[in-house]
Amino acid sequence: MTSWTATLLVSLLSVSSNVGAAPFDTGTGLAPLGNLLTSDKGGPYNLTLLPVQQNEVRAGIAARQTYTDKDIIDFLTVVECLEGRFDSMGTLGLDFNDDLTLGGPAGVGYGKANLSPEVLAPLTEVAVSEQGHALFTRHAGGKNPCPFVNYTAGFNDVFAAAYGLQPGQDISVLFGKPFNPLVNDETFLVSMLFLEELGATGNKGLTGIISNPVINNGVAGLATSATAFAAVERYLAFERRNNRVYPTNETVAQVFARLSAYRDSMDGPQFDDQGLLNTDPRSIAIAINQPNPGQYINLFPTDVHGITFSRTPQQVINIQTVHVAITPAAAISNWRALAQSQS
C-alpha cells in the first residue's frame, strides 16, 4: 500500500546546536517571569529551550538556497489540495470545483463523514476557509492540477507507522479492520487535525523562504488562520479525548499522541510536536483538575515561549510520504512529481 504522495527525493535536514546556560537559574533568588505552570525550572528565560527555534531557522536558511518562489507555490498548491479536498468532501460532501483542481483527478477514500451537528458546523467553516487557501495558491500562480490522492492508503500508512507496523501492513493486523477517517466525529477529527497541523507548521516554515513580500504576507496569513483552525479542531478532539477511535481500542487522546509522536519522529531531532494531553516540561502545561493534576490540557502546541512550530517543505513531505514511496529518481525541486501519486 502506497502513501498519498508520490515519489519524491526527501533530503531531511538534521540540525543541532549548542546554546548557553539559562541566565536565571534556580537558587539565584530570581523568580521566573509570570506563571507559566511549567516544570522547567528556568522559566521563560531558559535558553536551553531555544534549539528548536534555532534549528527551524537553520533549516529555513538551507531550504531557501534550494527553492524558488515558484517551487514553493507549486508545493503549497499540492498541500492545500490534499488538505482542502479532504475537508470539503468530509463536511460538505463536495469536492473542489474545476477552478481549484485545474482538471486534477478525483481522489480515493474521501467523502462525506458521519459527523454530529456539534462537529459539523465548525469543521464546515474550516473547510470553506481551506477552499480559500487553495484559491490563494491559484492567484499566486500555482498552475499545476491538484494531484491524485489515495486517502485510504495515506491514512493507513500513517497509522501503521504510528503503531510501529511494517511497511505494507495496516492496523487491521491489530484491530481486525483498517482505519477509515469517515466513520464518525472521532475518526474524522484525528485525521483532519493531523493534516491541519502539518499545514499550519509548513506554512509558517515557508515564511522564512519566500522572497516575494506580497506572497510571503499571504502565506503568513495562511499559517495564522491554519493555526486557528487547528485550535478549533483540537478543542473538539479534546472534548472527546476519552472516546474510542474506531477500530482501535484506544481513546482519541491516546491515538493522537501516537500520531503526534510519529510526526515528531519524521522531521528531525528537534521537539516540535505535541499531543492533546501534555506533561512535557519543555512546553506550557495546564492541569485539567487542579490542585490534583493528572492530565494537562494542550490546545495550543507551542514551545515554552508560546511560539508555534515551523517545518520546511522537506519535513512536511517526509511526514506525508511516511518515508516509503520515495525514490532518488525525482528531483527535490520538482514538486510536479507529487502530481503523479499512485494508488
Protein backbone atom coordinates (compact mmCIF):
# COMPACT_ATOMS: atom_id res chain seq x y z
CA MET A 1 0.00 0.00 0.00
CA THR A 2 1.50 3.32 -1.02
CA SER A 3 1.13 6.63 0.75
CA TRP A 4 -0.85 9.57 -0.58
CA THR A 5 2.02 11.47 -2.13
CA ALA A 6 4.20 10.22 -4.94
CA THR A 7 7.86 9.52 -5.49
CA LEU A 8 9.97 12.38 -4.24
CA LEU A 9 13.54 12.56 -3.01
CA VAL A 10 13.49 13.83 0.55
CA SER A 11 16.61 15.42 1.99
CA LEU A 12 15.69 15.71 5.63
CA LEU A 13 17.74 18.33 7.43
CA SER A 14 19.31 17.11 10.64
CA VAL A 15 20.44 20.10 12.63
CA SER A 16 21.81 20.59 16.08
CA SER A 17 23.14 23.43 18.15
CA ASN A 18 24.76 24.28 21.43
CA VAL A 19 23.19 27.05 23.44
CA GLY A 20 24.42 28.71 26.59
CA ALA A 21 23.01 28.10 30.03
CA ALA A 22 19.96 29.92 31.32
CA PRO A 23 20.73 33.38 32.75
CA PHE A 24 18.33 32.87 35.65
CA ASP A 25 18.88 29.53 37.33
CA THR A 26 17.21 28.17 40.42
CA GLY A 27 18.86 29.23 43.63
CA THR A 28 19.69 32.72 42.40
CA GLY A 29 16.70 34.34 44.06
CA LEU A 30 15.27 35.41 40.70
CA ALA A 31 11.80 34.05 40.14
CA PRO A 32 10.68 33.17 36.61
CA LEU A 33 8.56 35.82 34.95
CA GLY A 34 4.82 35.24 35.06
CA ASN A 35 3.09 31.97 35.81
CA LEU A 36 3.74 29.51 33.00
CA LEU A 37 2.93 26.48 35.18
CA THR A 38 5.73 24.55 33.54
CA SER A 39 8.09 22.20 35.34
CA ASP A 40 11.02 23.81 33.55
CA LYS A 41 12.97 25.49 36.34
CA GLY A 42 14.41 28.18 34.11
CA GLY A 43 11.00 29.51 33.24
CA PRO A 44 10.72 31.69 30.16
CA TYR A 45 14.38 32.69 30.36
CA ASN A 46 15.75 29.20 29.89
CA LEU A 47 17.90 29.49 26.79
CA THR A 48 18.43 25.74 26.74
CA LEU A 49 14.96 25.63 25.18
CA LEU A 50 15.99 27.71 22.17
CA PRO A 51 17.46 24.94 19.95
CA VAL A 52 14.01 24.27 18.48
CA GLN A 53 13.80 27.82 17.15
CA GLN A 54 17.46 27.80 16.14
CA ASN A 55 17.01 24.52 14.28
CA GLU A 56 13.98 25.88 12.45
CA VAL A 57 15.90 28.95 11.30
CA ARG A 58 18.84 26.85 10.13
CA ALA A 59 16.52 24.53 8.24
CA GLY A 60 14.80 27.52 6.63
CA ILE A 61 18.09 29.05 5.52
CA ALA A 62 19.15 25.77 3.96
CA ALA A 63 15.80 25.39 2.19
CA ARG A 64 15.94 28.94 0.87
CA GLN A 65 19.13 28.10 -1.00
CA THR A 66 17.28 25.30 -2.81
CA TYR A 67 13.88 26.66 -3.81
CA THR A 68 12.50 29.46 -5.94
CA ASP A 69 9.21 31.15 -5.11
CA LYS A 70 7.65 29.21 -8.00
CA ASP A 71 8.81 25.92 -6.45
CA ILE A 72 7.24 26.93 -3.16
CA ILE A 73 3.90 27.88 -4.72
CA ASP A 74 3.84 24.55 -6.58
CA PHE A 75 4.48 22.75 -3.29
CA LEU A 76 1.88 24.82 -1.46
CA THR A 77 -0.69 24.05 -4.17
CA VAL A 78 -0.25 20.32 -3.60
CA VAL A 79 -0.52 20.66 0.19
CA GLU A 80 -3.65 22.82 0.04
CA CYS A 81 -5.27 20.47 -2.48
CA LEU A 82 -4.52 17.44 -0.32
CA GLU A 83 -5.85 19.04 2.84
CA GLY A 84 -8.70 21.12 1.43
CA ARG A 85 -10.31 18.42 -0.69
CA PHE A 86 -10.41 16.05 2.27
CA ASP A 87 -12.00 18.72 4.47
CA SER A 88 -14.51 19.82 1.83
CA MET A 89 -15.69 16.32 0.99
CA GLY A 90 -15.81 15.29 4.65
CA THR A 91 -18.04 18.18 5.72
CA LEU A 92 -19.95 19.29 2.63
CA GLY A 93 -19.80 16.16 0.52
CA LEU A 94 -18.47 18.37 -2.27
CA ASP A 95 -15.09 18.27 -3.98
CA PHE A 96 -13.17 21.32 -5.22
CA ASN A 97 -14.55 22.81 -8.42
CA ASP A 98 -12.54 22.91 -11.64
CA ASP A 99 -11.23 26.40 -10.91
CA LEU A 100 -9.34 24.92 -7.98
CA THR A 101 -8.43 21.46 -9.28
CA LEU A 102 -7.48 22.69 -12.78
CA GLY A 103 -8.54 19.33 -14.13
CA GLY A 104 -6.87 17.24 -11.45
CA PRO A 105 -8.34 13.75 -10.98
CA ALA A 106 -10.70 12.76 -8.20
CA GLY A 107 -9.11 11.00 -5.26
CA VAL A 108 -9.88 7.78 -3.43
CA GLY A 109 -11.01 7.36 0.17
CA TYR A 110 -12.54 10.76 0.78
CA GLY A 111 -16.23 11.54 1.09
CA LYS A 112 -18.94 12.80 3.43
CA ALA A 113 -18.08 11.88 7.00
CA ASN A 114 -20.67 10.84 9.58
CA LEU A 115 -20.45 13.93 11.79
CA SER A 116 -22.61 15.20 14.63
CA PRO A 117 -24.11 18.71 14.29
CA GLU A 118 -21.78 19.98 17.04
CA VAL A 119 -18.74 18.99 14.99
CA LEU A 120 -20.10 19.55 11.50
CA ALA A 121 -20.75 23.30 11.78
CA PRO A 122 -17.27 24.45 12.91
CA LEU A 123 -15.47 22.00 10.64
CA THR A 124 -17.52 23.18 7.67
CA GLU A 125 -16.34 26.73 8.34
CA VAL A 126 -12.77 25.41 8.35
CA ALA A 127 -13.38 23.50 5.12
CA VAL A 128 -14.71 26.55 3.28
CA SER A 129 -11.74 28.57 4.52
CA GLU A 130 -9.42 25.83 3.25
CA GLN A 131 -11.01 26.25 -0.18
CA GLY A 132 -9.94 29.87 0.10
CA HIS A 133 -6.39 28.75 0.87
CA ALA A 134 -6.36 26.69 -2.31
CA LEU A 135 -7.72 29.68 -4.22
CA PHE A 136 -4.83 31.77 -2.89
CA THR A 137 -2.32 29.35 -4.40
CA ARG A 138 -4.05 29.76 -7.78
CA HIS A 139 -3.99 33.54 -7.52
CA ALA A 140 -0.32 33.34 -6.55
CA GLY A 141 0.50 31.48 -9.77
CA GLY A 142 0.04 27.81 -8.92
CA LYS A 143 -0.92 26.24 -12.24
CA ASN A 144 -0.39 22.54 -11.55
CA PRO A 145 -3.55 20.41 -11.33
CA CYS A 146 -4.45 19.02 -7.94
CA PRO A 147 -2.77 15.59 -7.66
CA PHE A 148 -4.49 12.26 -7.36
CA VAL A 149 -4.60 11.32 -3.68
CA ASN A 150 -5.40 7.95 -2.15
CA TYR A 151 -6.56 8.98 1.33
CA THR A 152 -7.34 5.40 2.32
CA ALA A 153 -3.78 4.34 1.62
CA GLY A 154 -2.30 7.53 3.03
CA PHE A 155 -4.01 7.46 6.40
CA ASN A 156 -3.46 3.73 6.78
CA ASP A 157 0.24 4.15 6.04
CA VAL A 158 0.42 6.86 8.71
CA PHE A 159 -1.47 4.78 11.25
CA ALA A 160 0.71 1.76 10.51
CA ALA A 161 3.82 3.85 11.16
CA ALA A 162 2.29 5.38 14.30
CA TYR A 163 1.60 1.87 15.65
CA GLY A 164 5.06 0.60 14.74
CA LEU A 165 3.92 -1.77 11.98
CA GLN A 166 5.90 -2.82 8.94
CA PRO A 167 5.51 -1.14 5.52
CA GLY A 168 2.60 -2.71 3.67
CA GLN A 169 0.71 -3.53 6.86
CA ASP A 170 -2.25 -1.63 8.25
CA ILE A 171 -3.89 -1.62 11.65
CA SER A 172 -6.24 -4.43 10.64
CA VAL A 173 -3.47 -6.76 11.84
CA LEU A 174 -4.05 -5.32 15.32
CA PHE A 175 -7.75 -4.44 15.35
CA GLY A 176 -9.35 -6.53 12.60
CA LYS A 177 -10.16 -3.63 10.28
CA PRO A 178 -8.18 -0.84 8.56
CA PHE A 179 -8.61 2.80 9.53
CA ASN A 180 -11.43 4.77 7.91
CA PRO A 181 -11.40 8.53 8.63
CA LEU A 182 -15.06 8.97 7.68
CA VAL A 183 -16.69 6.73 10.32
CA ASN A 184 -17.58 9.35 12.95
CA ASP A 185 -16.55 12.50 14.82
CA GLU A 186 -13.54 10.87 16.42
CA THR A 187 -12.01 9.31 13.31
CA PHE A 188 -12.52 12.44 11.23
CA LEU A 189 -11.20 14.82 13.88
CA VAL A 190 -7.90 12.98 14.40
CA SER A 191 -7.46 12.78 10.61
CA MET A 192 -8.34 16.39 9.88
CA LEU A 193 -6.18 17.63 12.75
CA PHE A 194 -3.25 15.50 11.60
CA LEU A 195 -3.29 17.27 8.22
CA GLU A 196 -4.23 20.69 9.60
CA GLU A 197 -1.21 20.97 11.85
CA LEU A 198 1.09 19.89 9.06
CA GLY A 199 -0.36 22.75 7.04
CA ALA A 200 -0.01 25.25 9.87
CA THR A 201 3.61 24.39 10.67
CA GLY A 202 4.50 24.00 7.00
CA ASN A 203 3.03 27.37 6.05
CA LYS A 204 4.87 29.07 8.90
CA GLY A 205 8.10 27.47 7.72
CA LEU A 206 7.58 28.89 4.23
CA THR A 207 7.60 32.46 5.50
CA GLY A 208 11.34 32.21 6.04
CA ILE A 209 11.92 31.02 2.47
CA ILE A 210 9.71 33.12 0.17
CA SER A 211 11.33 36.18 -1.40
CA ASN A 212 8.28 37.99 -2.78
CA PRO A 213 6.90 40.13 0.09
CA VAL A 214 3.29 40.08 -1.18
CA ILE A 215 3.21 36.29 -1.45
CA ASN A 216 5.05 36.00 1.86
CA ASN A 217 2.42 38.13 3.56
CA GLY A 218 -0.31 35.90 2.12
CA VAL A 219 1.42 32.71 3.26
CA ALA A 220 1.82 34.21 6.74
CA GLY A 221 -1.95 34.65 6.70
CA LEU A 222 -2.37 31.01 5.72
CA ALA A 223 -0.20 29.99 8.67
CA THR A 224 -2.08 32.08 11.22
CA SER A 225 -5.52 31.00 10.02
CA ALA A 226 -4.46 27.33 9.83
CA THR A 227 -3.24 27.61 13.42
CA ALA A 228 -6.66 28.94 14.41
CA PHE A 229 -8.38 26.10 12.54
CA ALA A 230 -6.18 23.58 14.33
CA ALA A 231 -7.05 25.10 17.72
CA VAL A 232 -10.76 24.62 17.00
CA GLU A 233 -10.15 21.04 15.90
CA ARG A 234 -8.00 20.38 18.97
CA TYR A 235 -10.73 21.63 21.28
CA LEU A 236 -13.33 19.42 19.61
CA ALA A 237 -10.95 16.47 19.85
CA PHE A 238 -10.11 17.33 23.46
CA GLU A 239 -13.81 17.28 24.38
CA ARG A 240 -13.88 13.73 23.01
CA ARG A 241 -10.47 12.75 24.39
CA ASN A 242 -11.83 9.73 26.27
CA ASN A 243 -13.92 8.43 23.36
CA ARG A 244 -12.72 5.42 21.40
CA VAL A 245 -11.29 5.83 17.90
CA TYR A 246 -12.71 3.08 15.69
CA PRO A 247 -11.46 0.42 15.01
CA THR A 248 -8.76 0.76 17.67
CA ASN A 249 -9.21 0.03 21.36
CA GLU A 250 -7.65 3.39 22.25
CA THR A 251 -9.05 6.83 23.02
CA VAL A 252 -8.80 10.00 20.97
CA ALA A 253 -6.07 11.25 23.30
CA GLN A 254 -4.08 8.02 23.00
CA VAL A 255 -4.39 7.77 19.22
CA PHE A 256 -3.48 11.39 18.64
CA ALA A 257 -0.49 11.01 20.96
CA ARG A 258 0.73 8.30 18.59
CA LEU A 259 0.14 10.49 15.53
CA SER A 260 1.95 13.38 17.19
CA ALA A 261 4.91 11.19 18.13
CA TYR A 262 5.02 9.89 14.56
CA ARG A 263 5.15 13.41 13.11
CA ASP A 264 7.83 14.40 15.59
CA SER A 265 9.94 11.37 14.68
CA MET A 266 9.84 12.09 10.95
CA ASP A 267 11.06 15.68 10.81
CA GLY A 268 14.41 15.64 12.56
CA PRO A 269 15.78 15.58 16.11
CA GLN A 270 14.05 18.70 17.42
CA PHE A 271 11.00 18.61 19.69
CA ASP A 272 8.21 20.21 17.64
CA ASP A 273 5.01 18.24 18.09
CA GLN A 274 2.58 17.65 20.94
CA GLY A 275 -0.49 15.57 21.69
CA LEU A 276 -3.82 16.69 23.16
CA LEU A 277 -2.64 15.99 26.70
CA ASN A 278 0.83 17.12 27.56
CA THR A 279 3.17 16.84 30.52
CA ASP A 280 6.40 17.69 28.72
CA PRO A 281 8.39 20.27 30.74
CA ARG A 282 9.55 21.98 27.54
CA SER A 283 6.08 23.36 26.86
CA ILE A 284 3.24 25.14 28.63
CA ALA A 285 1.10 22.62 30.50
CA ILE A 286 -2.06 23.46 32.45
CA ALA A 287 -3.54 20.88 34.80
CA ILE A 288 -7.11 19.92 33.95
CA ASN A 289 -8.11 19.04 37.51
CA GLN A 290 -6.18 21.31 39.82
CA PRO A 291 -4.94 21.03 42.52
CA ASN A 292 -4.56 17.30 41.87
CA PRO A 293 -3.14 17.23 38.36
CA GLY A 294 -3.31 14.01 36.45
CA GLN A 295 -3.65 15.32 32.93
CA TYR A 296 -2.66 18.58 31.26
CA ILE A 297 -4.62 20.34 28.55
CA ASN A 298 -2.73 21.26 25.39
CA LEU A 299 -4.92 23.14 22.91
CA PHE A 300 -2.06 25.23 21.55
CA PRO A 301 1.07 23.25 20.61
CA THR A 302 3.88 25.72 21.25
CA ASP A 303 7.24 25.87 22.95
CA VAL A 304 7.61 27.38 26.41
CA HIS A 305 7.70 30.84 24.83
CA GLY A 306 4.24 30.34 23.33
CA ILE A 307 5.74 30.20 19.82
CA THR A 308 4.23 27.83 17.27
CA PHE A 309 6.47 25.42 15.39
CA SER A 310 7.70 25.52 11.79
CA ARG A 311 8.51 22.86 9.21
CA THR A 312 10.34 23.02 5.91
CA PRO A 313 8.85 21.51 2.74
CA GLN A 314 11.22 18.55 3.11
CA GLN A 315 9.95 17.83 6.60
CA VAL A 316 6.28 18.09 5.60
CA ILE A 317 6.79 15.72 2.67
CA ASN A 318 8.75 13.28 4.80
CA ILE A 319 5.79 13.03 7.19
CA GLN A 320 3.19 12.76 4.43
CA THR A 321 5.02 10.11 2.44
CA VAL A 322 5.83 8.04 5.55
CA HIS A 323 9.30 7.85 4.03
CA VAL A 324 8.36 4.77 1.99
CA ALA A 325 7.30 5.80 -1.51
CA ILE A 326 10.49 7.74 -2.20
CA THR A 327 12.99 7.14 -4.99
CA PRO A 328 16.15 9.03 -5.98
CA ALA A 329 14.71 9.49 -9.49
CA ALA A 330 12.69 12.57 -8.50
CA ALA A 331 14.40 15.92 -8.07
CA ILE A 332 13.69 17.68 -4.79
CA SER A 333 12.91 20.94 -6.61
CA ASN A 334 10.41 19.28 -8.98
CA TRP A 335 7.20 19.42 -6.97
CA ARG A 336 5.30 18.30 -10.07
CA ALA A 337 6.35 14.77 -9.18
CA LEU A 338 3.74 14.96 -6.44
CA ALA A 339 1.03 15.18 -9.07
CA GLN A 340 1.82 11.65 -10.20
CA SER A 341 0.66 9.92 -6.99
CA GLN A 342 -0.11 6.24 -7.42
CA SER A 343 -2.98 4.44 -5.75
